[in-house]
Amino acid sequence: MAKPIPRLLPAEIARVIATAWDDHPPFNAVLVQHGLTEGQLVQLL
């Protein structure tokens, strides 16, 4: 089971989603950059 998503401000959520949907950074870079686990990112999206 994935850990709960940390409390993020709406602007932070928008940045995470924009980064995740961008084709340029690798998926792991998105996770590291925003301090999320794979499960948390999937839940957020």
C-alpha atoms as a PDB file:
ATOM      1  CA  MET A   1       0.000   0.000   0.000  1.00  0.00           C
ATOM      2  CA  ALA A   2       1.285   3.460  -0.915  1.00  0.00           C
ATOM      3  CA  LYS A   3       2.092   6.036   1.721  1.00  0.00           C
ATOM      4  CA  PRO A   4      -0.385   8.910   1.968  1.00  0.00           C
ATOM      5  CA  ILE A   5       0.382  11.952  -0.120  1.00  0.00           C
ATOM      6  CA  PRO A   6       2.013  14.691   1.961  1.00  0.00           C
ATOM      7  CA  ARG A   7       0.055  17.911   2.372  1.00  0.00           C
ATOM      8  CA  LEU A   8       0.908  20.101  -0.578  1.00  0.00           C
ATOM      9  CA  LEU A   9      -0.227  23.568  -1.510  1.00  0.00           C
ATOM     10  CA  PRO A  10      -2.247  23.867  -4.734  1.00  0.00           C
ATOM     11  CA  ALA A  11       0.725  25.529  -6.457  1.00  0.00           C
ATOM     12  CA  GLU A  12       2.980  22.619  -5.426  1.00  0.00           C
ATOM     13  CA  ILE A  13       0.469  20.094  -6.753  1.00  0.00           C
ATOM     14  CA  ALA A  14       0.315  21.964 -10.053  1.00  0.00           C
ATOM     15  CA  ARG A  15       4.138  21.881 -10.317  1.00  0.00           C
ATOM     16  CA  VAL A  16       4.268  18.142  -9.564  1.00  0.00           C
ATOM     17  CA  ILE A  17       1.609  17.379 -12.176  1.00  0.00           C
ATOM     18  CA  ALA A  18       3.216  19.640 -14.782  1.00  0.00           C
ATOM     19  CA  THR A  19       6.607  18.011 -14.215  1.00  0.00           C
ATOM     20  CA  ALA A  20       5.150  14.503 -14.305  1.00  0.00           C
ATOM     21  CA  TRP A  21       3.282  15.118 -17.563  1.00  0.00           C
ATOM     22  CA  ASP A  22       6.292  16.724 -19.248  1.00  0.00           C
ATOM     23  CA  ASP A  23       8.039  14.203 -21.496  1.00  0.00           C
ATOM     24  CA  HIS A  24      11.554  15.456 -20.815  1.00  0.00           C
ATOM     25  CA  PRO A  25      12.479  14.517 -17.221  1.00  0.00           C
ATOM     26  CA  PRO A  26      12.677  10.801 -16.422  1.00  0.00           C
ATOM     27  CA  PHE A  27      10.014   9.525 -14.035  1.00  0.00           C
ATOM     28  CA  ASN A  28      12.537   8.981 -11.229  1.00  0.00           C
ATOM     29  CA  ALA A  29      13.691  12.590 -11.545  1.00  0.00           C
ATOM     30  CA  VAL A  30      10.136  13.743 -10.889  1.00  0.00           C
ATOM     31  CA  LEU A  31      10.001  11.608  -7.757  1.00  0.00           C
ATOM     32  CA  VAL A  32      13.333  12.846  -6.432  1.00  0.00           C
ATOM     33  CA  GLN A  33      12.687  16.484  -7.325  1.00  0.00           C
ATOM     34  CA  HIS A  34       9.394  16.569  -5.437  1.00  0.00           C
ATOM     35  CA  GLY A  35      10.239  14.106  -2.648  1.00  0.00           C
ATOM     36  CA  LEU A  36       7.410  11.720  -3.482  1.00  0.00           C
ATOM     37  CA  THR A  37       7.303   7.958  -3.797  1.00  0.00           C
ATOM     38  CA  GLU A  38       6.008   6.320  -6.968  1.00  0.00           C
ATOM     39  CA  GLY A  39       2.736   5.408  -5.230  1.00  0.00           C
ATOM     40  CA  GLN A  40       2.236   8.962  -3.973  1.00  0.00           C
ATOM     41  CA  LEU A  41       2.767  10.374  -7.458  1.00  0.00           C
ATOM     42  CA  VAL A  42       0.291   7.914  -8.948  1.00  0.00           C
ATOM     43  CA  GLN A  43      -2.289   8.822  -6.280  1.00  0.00           C
ATOM     44  CA  LEU A  44      -1.755  12.520  -6.942  1.00  0.00           C
ATOM     45  CA  LEU A  45      -2.182  12.147 -10.695  1.00  0.00           C
END
